[in-house]
C-alpha atoms as a PDB file:
ATOM      1  CA  MET A   1       0.015   0.043   0.013  1.00  0.00           C
ATOM      2  CA  THR A   2       1.376   3.394  -1.038  1.00  0.00           C
ATOM      3  CA  ALA A   3       0.461   6.479   0.872  1.00  0.00           C
ATOM      4  CA  ALA A   4      -1.523   9.204  -0.916  1.00  0.00           C
ATOM      5  CA  PRO A   5       0.029  12.677  -1.214  1.00  0.00           C
ATOM      6  CA  VAL A   6      -0.257  14.542   2.018  1.00  0.00           C
ATOM      7  CA  HIS A   7      -0.166  18.267   2.801  1.00  0.00           C
ATOM      8  CA  PRO A   8       3.363  19.109   4.279  1.00  0.00           C
ATOM      9  CA  GLU A   9       1.813  20.476   7.522  1.00  0.00           C
ATOM     10  CA  LEU A  10      -0.259  17.274   8.036  1.00  0.00           C
ATOM     11  CA  LEU A  11       2.745  15.157   7.178  1.00  0.00           C
ATOM     12  CA  LEU A  12       4.807  16.995   9.760  1.00  0.00           C
ATOM     13  CA  MET A  13       2.188  16.345  12.381  1.00  0.00           C
ATOM     14  CA  LEU A  14       2.094  12.716  11.451  1.00  0.00           C
ATOM     15  CA  LEU A  15       5.916  12.271  11.798  1.00  0.00           C
ATOM     16  CA  ALA A  16       5.921  14.141  15.075  1.00  0.00           C
ATOM     17  CA  ASP A  17       3.059  12.055  16.460  1.00  0.00           C
ATOM     18  CA  ALA A  18       3.989   9.753  19.401  1.00  0.00           C
ATOM     19  CA  ARG A  19       1.708   7.103  17.956  1.00  0.00           C
ATOM     20  CA  LEU A  20       3.897   6.689  14.876  1.00  0.00           C
ATOM     21  CA  PRO A  21       5.188   3.068  15.038  1.00  0.00           C
ATOM     22  CA  THR A  22       8.817   3.778  15.803  1.00  0.00           C
ATOM     23  CA  SER A  23      11.007   2.822  18.744  1.00  0.00           C
ATOM     24  CA  GLY A  24      10.732   6.351  20.271  1.00  0.00           C
ATOM     25  CA  HIS A  25       8.978   4.948  23.356  1.00  0.00           C
ATOM     26  CA  THR A  26      12.148   3.071  24.241  1.00  0.00           C
ATOM     27  CA  GLN A  27      14.293   6.151  24.332  1.00  0.00           C
ATOM     28  CA  SER A  28      14.530   8.812  27.011  1.00  0.00           C
ATOM     29  CA  GLY A  29      16.658  11.190  25.166  1.00  0.00           C
ATOM     30  CA  GLY A  30      19.458  10.245  27.540  1.00  0.00           C
ATOM     31  CA  LEU A  31      17.470  11.440  30.582  1.00  0.00           C
ATOM     32  CA  GLU A  32      17.414   8.102  32.402  1.00  0.00           C
ATOM     33  CA  PRO A  33      21.170   7.695  32.262  1.00  0.00           C
ATOM     34  CA  ALA A  34      21.587  11.438  33.223  1.00  0.00           C
ATOM     35  CA  LEU A  35      19.409  10.949  36.354  1.00  0.00           C
ATOM     36  CA  LEU A  36      21.247   7.734  37.242  1.00  0.00           C
ATOM     37  CA  GLY A  37      24.467   9.615  36.699  1.00  0.00           C
ATOM     38  CA  GLY A  38      23.583  12.430  39.235  1.00  0.00           C
ATOM     39  CA  LEU A  39      21.565  15.048  37.193  1.00  0.00           C
ATOM     40  CA  ASP A  40      19.607  17.133  39.584  1.00  0.00           C
ATOM     41  CA  PRO A  41      15.893  16.720  38.606  1.00  0.00           C
ATOM     42  CA  ALA A  42      15.478  20.447  39.114  1.00  0.00           C
ATOM     43  CA  ASP A  43      17.822  20.975  36.174  1.00  0.00           C
ATOM     44  CA  LEU A  44      15.597  19.199  33.684  1.00  0.00           C
ATOM     45  CA  ASP A  45      15.281  22.461  31.562  1.00  0.00           C
ATOM     46  CA  GLY A  46      19.052  22.886  31.492  1.00  0.00           C
ATOM     47  CA  TYR A  47      19.553  19.322  30.393  1.00  0.00           C
ATOM     48  CA  SER A  48      17.058  19.673  27.677  1.00  0.00           C
ATOM     49  CA  ARG A  49      18.748  22.921  26.382  1.00  0.00           C
ATOM     50  CA  THR A  50      22.190  21.337  26.513  1.00  0.00           C
ATOM     51  CA  ARG A  51      21.017  18.346  24.439  1.00  0.00           C
ATOM     52  CA  LEU A  52      19.323  20.685  21.891  1.00  0.00           C
ATOM     53  CA  GLU A  53      22.441  22.796  21.576  1.00  0.00           C
ATOM     54  CA  THR A  54      24.815  19.703  21.204  1.00  0.00           C
ATOM     55  CA  VAL A  55      23.596  16.279  20.151  1.00  0.00           C
ATOM     56  CA  THR A  56      20.281  17.357  18.705  1.00  0.00           C
ATOM     57  CA  LEU A  57      21.928  20.274  16.759  1.00  0.00           C
ATOM     58  CA  THR A  58      24.119  17.784  14.967  1.00  0.00           C
ATOM     59  CA  GLU A  59      21.284  15.482  14.248  1.00  0.00           C
ATOM     60  CA  ALA A  60      19.025  18.272  12.905  1.00  0.00           C
ATOM     61  CA  ALA A  61      21.929  19.588  10.723  1.00  0.00           C
ATOM     62  CA  THR A  62      22.425  16.082   9.412  1.00  0.00           C
ATOM     63  CA  ALA A  63      18.802  15.746   8.479  1.00  0.00           C
ATOM     64  CA  VAL A  64      18.898  18.951   6.616  1.00  0.00           C
ATOM     65  CA  VAL A  65      21.988  18.138   4.649  1.00  0.00           C
ATOM     66  CA  CYS A  66      20.624  14.687   3.748  1.00  0.00           C
ATOM     67  CA  ARG A  67      17.465  16.416   2.467  1.00  0.00           C
ATOM     68  CA  SER A  68      19.568  18.890   0.459  1.00  0.00           C
ATOM     69  CA  ARG A  69      21.534  15.929  -1.127  1.00  0.00           C
ATOM     70  CA  ALA A  70      18.407  13.838  -1.826  1.00  0.00           C
ATOM     71  CA  VAL A  71      16.390  16.496  -3.548  1.00  0.00           C
ATOM     72  CA  THR A  72      19.225  16.793  -6.138  1.00  0.00           C
ATOM     73  CA  GLY A  73      19.543  13.107  -6.547  1.00  0.00           C
ATOM     74  CA  ARG A  74      22.768  12.712  -4.766  1.00  0.00           C
ATOM     75  CA  PRO A  75      23.637   9.982  -2.303  1.00  0.00           C
ATOM     76  CA  THR A  76      23.880  10.537   1.468  1.00  0.00           C
ATOM     77  CA  ASP A  77      26.465   8.080   2.627  1.00  0.00           C
ATOM     78  CA  ASP A  78      29.104  10.622   3.209  1.00  0.00           C
ATOM     79  CA  VAL A  79      26.584  12.707   5.226  1.00  0.00           C
ATOM     80  CA  GLU A  80      26.129   9.774   7.456  1.00  0.00           C
ATOM     81  CA  PHE A  81      29.785   9.450   7.895  1.00  0.00           C
ATOM     82  CA  ALA A  82      30.060  13.051   8.863  1.00  0.00           C
ATOM     83  CA  TRP A  83      27.381  12.588  11.441  1.00  0.00           C
ATOM     84  CA  ALA A  84      29.113   9.525  12.896  1.00  0.00           C
ATOM     85  CA  ALA A  85      32.441  11.438  13.175  1.00  0.00           C
ATOM     86  CA  ARG A  86      30.642  14.259  15.026  1.00  0.00           C
ATOM     87  CA  THR A  87      28.971  11.665  17.408  1.00  0.00           C
ATOM     88  CA  PRO A  88      31.827  10.083  19.210  1.00  0.00           C
ATOM     89  CA  SER A  89      29.706   8.058  21.706  1.00  0.00           C
ATOM     90  CA  ALA A  90      28.857   4.621  20.329  1.00  0.00           C
ATOM     91  CA  ALA A  91      25.780   4.602  22.654  1.00  0.00           C
ATOM     92  CA  LEU A  92      24.449   7.828  21.152  1.00  0.00           C
ATOM     93  CA  ARG A  93      25.064   6.420  17.620  1.00  0.00           C
ATOM     94  CA  GLU A  94      23.292   3.241  18.420  1.00  0.00           C
ATOM     95  CA  ALA A  95      20.371   5.012  19.970  1.00  0.00           C
ATOM     96  CA  SER A  96      19.911   7.092  16.718  1.00  0.00           C
ATOM     97  CA  ARG A  97      20.309   4.075  14.626  1.00  0.00           C
ATOM     98  CA  ALA A  98      17.568   2.154  16.592  1.00  0.00           C
ATOM     99  CA  LEU A  99      15.372   5.117  15.731  1.00  0.00           C
ATOM    100  CA  GLY A 100      16.561   5.298  12.227  1.00  0.00           C
ATOM    101  CA  ARG A 101      15.708   1.542  11.636  1.00  0.00           C
ATOM    102  CA  ALA A 102      12.188   2.177  12.833  1.00  0.00           C
ATOM    103  CA  TYR A 103      11.692   5.212  10.755  1.00  0.00           C
ATOM    104  CA  ARG A 104      13.157   3.347   7.761  1.00  0.00           C
ATOM    105  CA  ARG A 105      10.518   0.641   8.133  1.00  0.00           C
ATOM    106  CA  VAL A 106       7.777   3.300   8.236  1.00  0.00           C
ATOM    107  CA  ALA A 107       9.156   5.178   5.242  1.00  0.00           C
ATOM    108  CA  LEU A 108       9.585   2.094   2.949  1.00  0.00           C
ATOM    109  CA  ARG A 109       6.087   1.004   3.784  1.00  0.00           C
ATOM    110  CA  LEU A 110       4.344   4.255   3.103  1.00  0.00           C
ATOM    111  CA  TRP A 111       6.531   5.506   0.180  1.00  0.00           C
ATOM    112  CA  PRO A 112       8.103   2.291  -1.387  1.00  0.00           C
ATOM    113  CA  ASP A 113       8.511   3.865  -4.791  1.00  0.00           C
ATOM    114  CA  ALA A 114      10.020   7.205  -3.867  1.00  0.00           C
ATOM    115  CA  PRO A 115      13.287   7.748  -5.658  1.00  0.00           C
ATOM    116  CA  ALA A 116      14.687   9.718  -2.601  1.00  0.00           C
ATOM    117  CA  LEU A 117      14.244   6.550  -0.479  1.00  0.00           C
ATOM    118  CA  ALA A 118      15.906   3.968  -2.775  1.00  0.00           C
ATOM    119  CA  GLU A 119      19.159   4.078  -0.848  1.00  0.00           C
ATOM    120  CA  LEU A 120      17.435   2.852   2.285  1.00  0.00           C
ATOM    121  CA  THR A 121      16.929  -0.474   0.611  1.00  0.00           C
ATOM    122  CA  ALA A 122      20.708  -0.920   0.695  1.00  0.00           C
ATOM    123  CA  THR A 123      21.147  -0.009   4.353  1.00  0.00           C
ATOM    124  CA  THR A 124      19.582  -1.604   7.332  1.00  0.00           C
ATOM    125  CA  MET A 125      21.231   0.653  10.043  1.00  0.00           C
ATOM    126  CA  PRO A 126      20.743   4.348   8.968  1.00  0.00           C
ATOM    127  CA  SER A 127      20.759   7.032  11.551  1.00  0.00           C
ATOM    128  CA  ARG A 128      17.552   8.896  12.511  1.00  0.00           C
ATOM    129  CA  PRO A 129      18.481  12.105  10.806  1.00  0.00           C
ATOM    130  CA  ARG A 130      19.536  10.426   7.538  1.00  0.00           C
ATOM    131  CA  VAL A 131      16.116   8.669   7.321  1.00  0.00           C
ATOM    132  CA  LEU A 132      14.143  11.808   8.189  1.00  0.00           C
ATOM    133  CA  GLY A 133      16.210  13.886   5.759  1.00  0.00           C
ATOM    134  CA  LEU A 134      15.398  11.379   2.952  1.00  0.00           C
ATOM    135  CA  VAL A 135      11.735  11.314   3.980  1.00  0.00           C
ATOM    136  CA  ALA A 136      11.628  15.104   3.795  1.00  0.00           C
ATOM    137  CA  ALA A 137      13.156  14.978   0.209  1.00  0.00           C
ATOM    138  CA  ALA A 138      10.603  12.257  -0.768  1.00  0.00           C
ATOM    139  CA  THR A 139       7.548  14.030   0.668  1.00  0.00           C
ATOM    140  CA  GLY A 140       8.292  17.709  -0.009  1.00  0.00           C
ATOM    141  CA  LEU A 141       9.034  18.802   3.501  1.00  0.00           C
ATOM    142  CA  SER A 142      11.276  21.906   3.801  1.00  0.00           C
ATOM    143  CA  ALA A 143      14.540  22.131   5.412  1.00  0.00           C
ATOM    144  CA  ASP A 144      13.028  24.198   8.251  1.00  0.00           C
ATOM    145  CA  ALA A 145      10.374  21.542   8.806  1.00  0.00           C
ATOM    146  CA  VAL A 146      12.682  18.527   9.059  1.00  0.00           C
ATOM    147  CA  ALA A 147      15.062  20.441  11.439  1.00  0.00           C
ATOM    148  CA  ARG A 148      12.045  21.401  13.645  1.00  0.00           C
ATOM    149  CA  LEU A 149      10.908  17.757  13.534  1.00  0.00           C
ATOM    150  CA  VAL A 150      14.256  16.412  14.767  1.00  0.00           C
ATOM    151  CA  ALA A 151      14.459  19.064  17.538  1.00  0.00           C
ATOM    152  CA  TYR A 152      10.846  18.586  18.653  1.00  0.00           C
ATOM    153  CA  GLU A 153      11.023  14.914  18.664  1.00  0.00           C
ATOM    154  CA  ASP A 154      14.231  14.828  20.697  1.00  0.00           C
ATOM    155  CA  VAL A 155      12.805  17.261  23.325  1.00  0.00           C
ATOM    156  CA  GLN A 156       9.550  15.315  23.582  1.00  0.00           C
ATOM    157  CA  SER A 157      11.500  12.177  24.159  1.00  0.00           C
ATOM    158  CA  VAL A 158      13.176  13.761  27.216  1.00  0.00           C
ATOM    159  CA  LEU A 159       9.946  15.297  28.457  1.00  0.00           C
ATOM    160  CA  ALA A 160       7.784  12.144  27.923  1.00  0.00           C
ATOM    161  CA  ALA A 161      10.461  10.074  29.767  1.00  0.00           C
ATOM    162  CA  SER A 162      10.474  12.568  32.672  1.00  0.00           C
ATOM    163  CA  LEU A 163       6.907  11.673  33.365  1.00  0.00           C
ATOM    164  CA  LYS A 164       7.845   8.099  33.967  1.00  0.00           C
ATOM    165  CA  LEU A 165      11.153   8.836  35.736  1.00  0.00           C
ATOM    166  CA  LEU A 166      10.183  11.692  37.892  1.00  0.00           C
ATOM    167  CA  PRO A 167       6.846  12.575  39.740  1.00  0.00           C
ATOM    168  CA  GLY A 168       5.259  15.529  38.015  1.00  0.00           C
ATOM    169  CA  ASP A 169       2.250  16.914  36.260  1.00  0.00           C
ATOM    170  CA  PRO A 170       1.997  16.312  32.438  1.00  0.00           C
ATOM    171  CA  VAL A 171       0.871  20.000  32.103  1.00  0.00           C
ATOM    172  CA  ASP A 172       4.215  20.976  33.481  1.00  0.00           C
ATOM    173  CA  ALA A 173       5.988  18.824  30.698  1.00  0.00           C
ATOM    174  CA  THR A 174       3.902  20.774  28.107  1.00  0.00           C
ATOM    175  CA  ALA A 175       4.956  24.143  29.712  1.00  0.00           C
ATOM    176  CA  ARG A 176       8.481  23.128  29.516  1.00  0.00           C
ATOM    177  CA  LEU A 177       8.200  22.305  25.789  1.00  0.00           C
ATOM    178  CA  LEU A 178       6.822  25.750  25.156  1.00  0.00           C
ATOM    179  CA  ASP A 179       9.642  27.345  27.197  1.00  0.00           C
ATOM    180  CA  LEU A 180      12.036  25.497  24.998  1.00  0.00           C
ATOM    181  CA  ALA A 181      10.404  26.768  21.799  1.00  0.00           C
ATOM    182  CA  PRO A 182      12.945  29.595  21.345  1.00  0.00           C
ATOM    183  CA  THR A 183      15.849  27.179  21.720  1.00  0.00           C
ATOM    184  CA  ILE A 184      14.265  24.845  19.124  1.00  0.00           C
ATOM    185  CA  GLY A 185      13.786  27.847  16.780  1.00  0.00           C
ATOM    186  CA  ALA A 186      17.468  28.705  17.314  1.00  0.00           C
ATOM    187  CA  VAL A 187      18.419  25.247  16.188  1.00  0.00           C
ATOM    188  CA  VAL A 188      16.278  25.439  13.114  1.00  0.00           C
ATOM    189  CA  ASP A 189      17.732  28.890  12.264  1.00  0.00           C
ATOM    190  CA  ARG A 190      21.261  27.605  12.702  1.00  0.00           C
ATOM    191  CA  VAL A 191      20.975  24.484  10.369  1.00  0.00           C
ATOM    192  CA  ALA A 192      18.183  25.154   7.910  1.00  0.00           C
ATOM    193  CA  GLY A 193      20.541  26.670   5.245  1.00  0.00           C
ATOM    194  CA  LEU A 194      23.188  23.908   5.366  1.00  0.00           C
ATOM    195  CA  THR A 195      23.853  21.846   2.297  1.00  0.00           C
ATOM    196  CA  GLU A 196      27.242  20.096   2.733  1.00  0.00           C
ATOM    197  CA  PRO A 197      28.521  17.514   5.238  1.00  0.00           C
ATOM    198  CA  ASP A 198      31.563  19.662   6.333  1.00  0.00           C
ATOM    199  CA  GLU A 199      28.973  22.385   7.518  1.00  0.00           C
ATOM    200  CA  ILE A 200      27.465  20.071  10.081  1.00  0.00           C
ATOM    201  CA  PRO A 201      28.340  21.454  13.560  1.00  0.00           C
ATOM    202  CA  ALA A 202      29.897  19.315  16.185  1.00  0.00           C
ATOM    203  CA  TRP A 203      29.646  20.520  19.837  1.00  0.00           C
ATOM    204  CA  SER A 204      31.010  18.162  22.451  1.00  0.00           C
ATOM    205  CA  ALA A 205      28.753  17.000  25.359  1.00  0.00           C
ATOM    206  CA  PRO A 206      31.180  14.865  27.323  1.00  0.00           C
ATOM    207  CA  LEU A 207      28.904  14.363  30.320  1.00  0.00           C
ATOM    208  CA  VAL A 208      25.997  13.351  28.216  1.00  0.00           C
ATOM    209  CA  GLU A 209      28.214  10.985  26.335  1.00  0.00           C
ATOM    210  CA  ALA A 210      29.654   9.413  29.458  1.00  0.00           C
ATOM    211  CA  TRP A 211      26.175   8.845  30.887  1.00  0.00           C
ATOM    212  CA  ALA A 212      25.011   7.230  27.743  1.00  0.00           C
ATOM    213  CA  GLU A 213      28.038   4.867  27.560  1.00  0.00           C
ATOM    214  CA  ALA A 214      27.406   3.810  31.279  1.00  0.00           C
ATOM    215  CA  HIS A 215      23.752   3.244  30.555  1.00  0.00           C
ATOM    216  CA  ALA A 216      24.565   1.014  27.629  1.00  0.00           C
ATOM    217  CA  THR A 217      25.922  -1.629  29.942  1.00  0.00           C
ATOM    218  CA  ALA A 218      23.555  -1.045  32.828  1.00  0.00           C
ATOM    219  CA  GLU A 219      21.722  -4.237  34.013  1.00  0.00           C
ATOM    220  CA  ARG A 220      18.475  -2.435  35.155  1.00  0.00           C
ATOM    221  CA  ARG A 221      16.967   0.307  33.199  1.00  0.00           C
ATOM    222  CA  LEU A 222      13.576   1.241  31.970  1.00  0.00           C
ATOM    223  CA  PHE A 223      14.720   2.851  28.587  1.00  0.00           C
ATOM    224  CA  ARG A 224      17.214   1.538  26.073  1.00  0.00           C
ATOM    225  CA  ALA A 225      18.820   5.040  25.936  1.00  0.00           C
END
């Protein structure tokens, strides 16, 4: 079954919907390992901003560059290599690829004949930003839209996980998302015009990376990452 053409705004809402059958429910955006590593729960906003400005910035930029390549018929293998080089933590790379595999399944099921997605048939372990960038090219999503999707989804992973890991009111999580909107917008503005792999930013997040690596070998955990 091939999906019918969808308005870009509706498509963006579909891809950002937590009910989309991806592995997003297994991810905490690194929040679980951060809390286990000593993050003060009162600093949840600071953690979310730090992730947006480092790990998520790199992923959003990667998605934008993948989209740029795909809309002109060029392959994105080297963009994936650039992303991996800027993501030194093996645990963070695996978390992104777990999401990428799930998005790949959705993409190939809904748009099996899209030329921009053809390269996904040759790889089974693409990163999340690579798949979303290719989906954007295949469906007409703008660079701004795919960057915002990556940033929104990442923040929502953290905030949704916080409701399971910390006592709190879901309305507070929604309020936090609105407070983070300017930071999300700054990420979008920073990366939306990128077209080449060497333009992808790489900001180190040593503590986030260390927490993720420790979590990968933890014997008791609620989330995969």
